[in-house]
Amino acid sequence: MFVVNLGGEGEVPGALNQQPPWFVVTSSAVNLQYFVRLVGQGKDYLICPNETVALPDGCADVVHTNSVPLDVTTWRGPGVQTSEVRRILKSGGVWINNGQIRWTKP
């Protein structure tokens, strides 16, 4: 099962955790140390823009979004795009937003 966590707060165990490029460029020293420690613990990360997630169509069984702006632009840049969540989910895949099933791909 391939699980992806797009941006937001908190890493999902066993998931590929995506963060946008600004996360590693502009994060505070404390956040950057936390990130380096997580990578050192074997957590997998994908650093790529939210508006074009660097994953193929229909590859994920589950996509998580937790405490992340959706379909809006903040001072840090574009939030996670609903279209990208839908694009990377497999048929029958589930999008879980803040712990609740938001959508199942037909």
C-alpha atoms as a PDB file:
ATOM      1  CA  MET A   1       0.000   0.000   0.000  1.00  0.00           C
ATOM      2  CA  PHE A   2       1.402   3.403  -1.009  1.00  0.00           C
ATOM      3  CA  VAL A   3       0.432   6.215   1.386  1.00  0.00           C
ATOM      4  CA  VAL A   4       1.236   9.891   0.826  1.00  0.00           C
ATOM      5  CA  ASN A   5       1.004  12.752   3.314  1.00  0.00           C
ATOM      6  CA  LEU A   6       0.819  16.104   1.516  1.00  0.00           C
ATOM      7  CA  GLY A   7       2.280  18.963   3.523  1.00  0.00           C
ATOM      8  CA  GLY A   8       0.667  20.093   6.736  1.00  0.00           C
ATOM      9  CA  GLU A   9       1.471  19.236  10.302  1.00  0.00           C
ATOM     10  CA  GLY A  10       2.604  15.882  11.578  1.00  0.00           C
ATOM     11  CA  GLU A  11       4.174  13.054   9.665  1.00  0.00           C
ATOM     12  CA  VAL A  12       2.070  10.003   8.901  1.00  0.00           C
ATOM     13  CA  PRO A  13       3.855   6.775   9.915  1.00  0.00           C
ATOM     14  CA  GLY A  14       4.755   4.663   6.886  1.00  0.00           C
ATOM     15  CA  ALA A  15       3.845   7.435   4.438  1.00  0.00           C
ATOM     16  CA  LEU A  16       5.873   9.396   1.941  1.00  0.00           C
ATOM     17  CA  ASN A  17       5.723  12.847   3.515  1.00  0.00           C
ATOM     18  CA  GLN A  18       5.680  15.698   1.001  1.00  0.00           C
ATOM     19  CA  GLN A  19       6.641  19.269   1.795  1.00  0.00           C
ATOM     20  CA  PRO A  20       6.971  22.255  -0.534  1.00  0.00           C
ATOM     21  CA  PRO A  21      10.444  23.690  -1.252  1.00  0.00           C
ATOM     22  CA  TRP A  22       9.975  26.649   1.112  1.00  0.00           C
ATOM     23  CA  PHE A  23       9.822  24.166   4.004  1.00  0.00           C
ATOM     24  CA  VAL A  24      13.536  23.424   3.834  1.00  0.00           C
ATOM     25  CA  VAL A  25      14.576  26.881   2.631  1.00  0.00           C
ATOM     26  CA  THR A  26      12.715  29.189   5.008  1.00  0.00           C
ATOM     27  CA  SER A  27      11.936  27.047   8.039  1.00  0.00           C
ATOM     28  CA  SER A  28      13.323  28.135  11.381  1.00  0.00           C
ATOM     29  CA  ALA A  29      16.515  26.513  12.651  1.00  0.00           C
ATOM     30  CA  VAL A  30      14.439  24.502  15.134  1.00  0.00           C
ATOM     31  CA  ASN A  31      12.146  23.194  12.374  1.00  0.00           C
ATOM     32  CA  LEU A  32      15.106  22.413  10.157  1.00  0.00           C
ATOM     33  CA  GLN A  33      16.798  20.431  12.954  1.00  0.00           C
ATOM     34  CA  TYR A  34      13.519  18.540  13.482  1.00  0.00           C
ATOM     35  CA  PHE A  35      13.327  17.795   9.750  1.00  0.00           C
ATOM     36  CA  VAL A  36      16.943  16.576   9.637  1.00  0.00           C
ATOM     37  CA  ARG A  37      16.290  14.348  12.663  1.00  0.00           C
ATOM     38  CA  LEU A  38      13.208  12.820  11.004  1.00  0.00           C
ATOM     39  CA  VAL A  39      15.135  12.081   7.821  1.00  0.00           C
ATOM     40  CA  GLY A  40      17.872  10.553   9.976  1.00  0.00           C
ATOM     41  CA  GLN A  41      15.257   8.298  11.563  1.00  0.00           C
ATOM     42  CA  GLY A  42      14.385   6.953   8.122  1.00  0.00           C
ATOM     43  CA  LYS A  43      11.269   9.008   7.413  1.00  0.00           C
ATOM     44  CA  ASP A  44      10.800   9.433   3.676  1.00  0.00           C
ATOM     45  CA  TYR A  45      10.266  12.913   2.266  1.00  0.00           C
ATOM     46  CA  LEU A  46       9.452  14.328  -1.126  1.00  0.00           C
ATOM     47  CA  ILE A  47      10.270  18.010  -1.555  1.00  0.00           C
ATOM     48  CA  CYS A  48       8.233  19.451  -4.439  1.00  0.00           C
ATOM     49  CA  PRO A  49       5.706  22.205  -5.152  1.00  0.00           C
ATOM     50  CA  ASN A  50       2.158  21.716  -3.887  1.00  0.00           C
ATOM     51  CA  GLU A  51       0.667  22.634  -7.251  1.00  0.00           C
ATOM     52  CA  THR A  52       2.598  19.928  -9.159  1.00  0.00           C
ATOM     53  CA  VAL A  53       3.287  16.973  -6.881  1.00  0.00           C
ATOM     54  CA  ALA A  54       6.143  14.943  -8.362  1.00  0.00           C
ATOM     55  CA  LEU A  55       4.290  11.633  -8.371  1.00  0.00           C
ATOM     56  CA  PRO A  56       2.664   9.750 -11.247  1.00  0.00           C
ATOM     57  CA  ASP A  57      -1.063   9.668 -11.864  1.00  0.00           C
ATOM     58  CA  GLY A  58      -2.973   7.012  -9.922  1.00  0.00           C
ATOM     59  CA  CYS A  59      -0.087   5.883  -7.720  1.00  0.00           C
ATOM     60  CA  ALA A  60      -1.413   6.386  -4.170  1.00  0.00           C
ATOM     61  CA  ASP A  61      -3.794   4.169  -2.224  1.00  0.00           C
ATOM     62  CA  VAL A  62      -4.278   6.812   0.477  1.00  0.00           C
ATOM     63  CA  VAL A  63      -3.539  10.544   0.588  1.00  0.00           C
ATOM     64  CA  HIS A  64      -3.499  12.416   3.901  1.00  0.00           C
ATOM     65  CA  THR A  65      -3.776  16.174   4.331  1.00  0.00           C
ATOM     66  CA  ASN A  66      -3.550  17.463   7.891  1.00  0.00           C
ATOM     67  CA  SER A  67      -3.872  21.109   8.896  1.00  0.00           C
ATOM     68  CA  VAL A  68      -2.889  22.255   5.429  1.00  0.00           C
ATOM     69  CA  PRO A  69      -4.411  25.025   3.287  1.00  0.00           C
ATOM     70  CA  LEU A  70      -6.299  23.573   0.324  1.00  0.00           C
ATOM     71  CA  ASP A  71      -6.686  25.348  -3.026  1.00  0.00           C
ATOM     72  CA  VAL A  72      -5.543  28.718  -1.666  1.00  0.00           C
ATOM     73  CA  THR A  73      -2.338  30.699  -1.728  1.00  0.00           C
ATOM     74  CA  THR A  74      -0.825  31.861   1.541  1.00  0.00           C
ATOM     75  CA  TRP A  75       2.154  34.107   2.168  1.00  0.00           C
ATOM     76  CA  ARG A  76       4.323  30.998   1.726  1.00  0.00           C
ATOM     77  CA  GLY A  77       2.831  30.080  -1.640  1.00  0.00           C
ATOM     78  CA  PRO A  78       0.148  27.766  -3.011  1.00  0.00           C
ATOM     79  CA  GLY A  79      -1.429  25.265  -0.653  1.00  0.00           C
ATOM     80  CA  VAL A  80      -2.134  21.658  -1.521  1.00  0.00           C
ATOM     81  CA  GLN A  81      -4.284  21.458  -4.627  1.00  0.00           C
ATOM     82  CA  THR A  82      -7.389  19.274  -4.612  1.00  0.00           C
ATOM     83  CA  SER A  83      -6.694  18.473  -8.263  1.00  0.00           C
ATOM     84  CA  GLU A  84      -3.313  16.977  -7.298  1.00  0.00           C
ATOM     85  CA  VAL A  85      -4.838  14.825  -4.562  1.00  0.00           C
ATOM     86  CA  ARG A  86      -7.385  13.492  -7.039  1.00  0.00           C
ATOM     87  CA  ARG A  87      -4.741  12.990  -9.743  1.00  0.00           C
ATOM     88  CA  ILE A  88      -2.348  10.880  -7.652  1.00  0.00           C
ATOM     89  CA  LEU A  89      -5.022   8.658  -6.071  1.00  0.00           C
ATOM     90  CA  LYS A  90      -5.655   5.215  -7.551  1.00  0.00           C
ATOM     91  CA  SER A  91      -9.171   4.166  -8.434  1.00  0.00           C
ATOM     92  CA  GLY A  92     -10.700   3.209  -5.085  1.00  0.00           C
ATOM     93  CA  GLY A  93      -8.087   5.319  -3.280  1.00  0.00           C
ATOM     94  CA  VAL A  94      -9.078   7.393  -0.273  1.00  0.00           C
ATOM     95  CA  TRP A  95      -8.316  11.008   0.618  1.00  0.00           C
ATOM     96  CA  ILE A  96      -8.224  11.578   4.383  1.00  0.00           C
ATOM     97  CA  ASN A  97      -8.336  15.221   5.450  1.00  0.00           C
ATOM     98  CA  ASN A  98      -7.753  16.012   9.136  1.00  0.00           C
ATOM     99  CA  GLY A  99      -8.547  12.430  10.104  1.00  0.00           C
ATOM    100  CA  GLN A 100     -11.829  12.214   8.171  1.00  0.00           C
ATOM    101  CA  ILE A 101     -12.476  10.577   4.800  1.00  0.00           C
ATOM    102  CA  ARG A 102     -13.047  13.462   2.414  1.00  0.00           C
ATOM    103  CA  TRP A 103     -13.263  11.609  -0.890  1.00  0.00           C
ATOM    104  CA  THR A 104     -12.936   8.143  -2.432  1.00  0.00           C
ATOM    105  CA  LYS A 105     -11.858   8.036  -6.063  1.00  0.00           C
ATOM    106  CA  PRO A 106     -14.333   6.107  -8.216  1.00  0.00           C
END
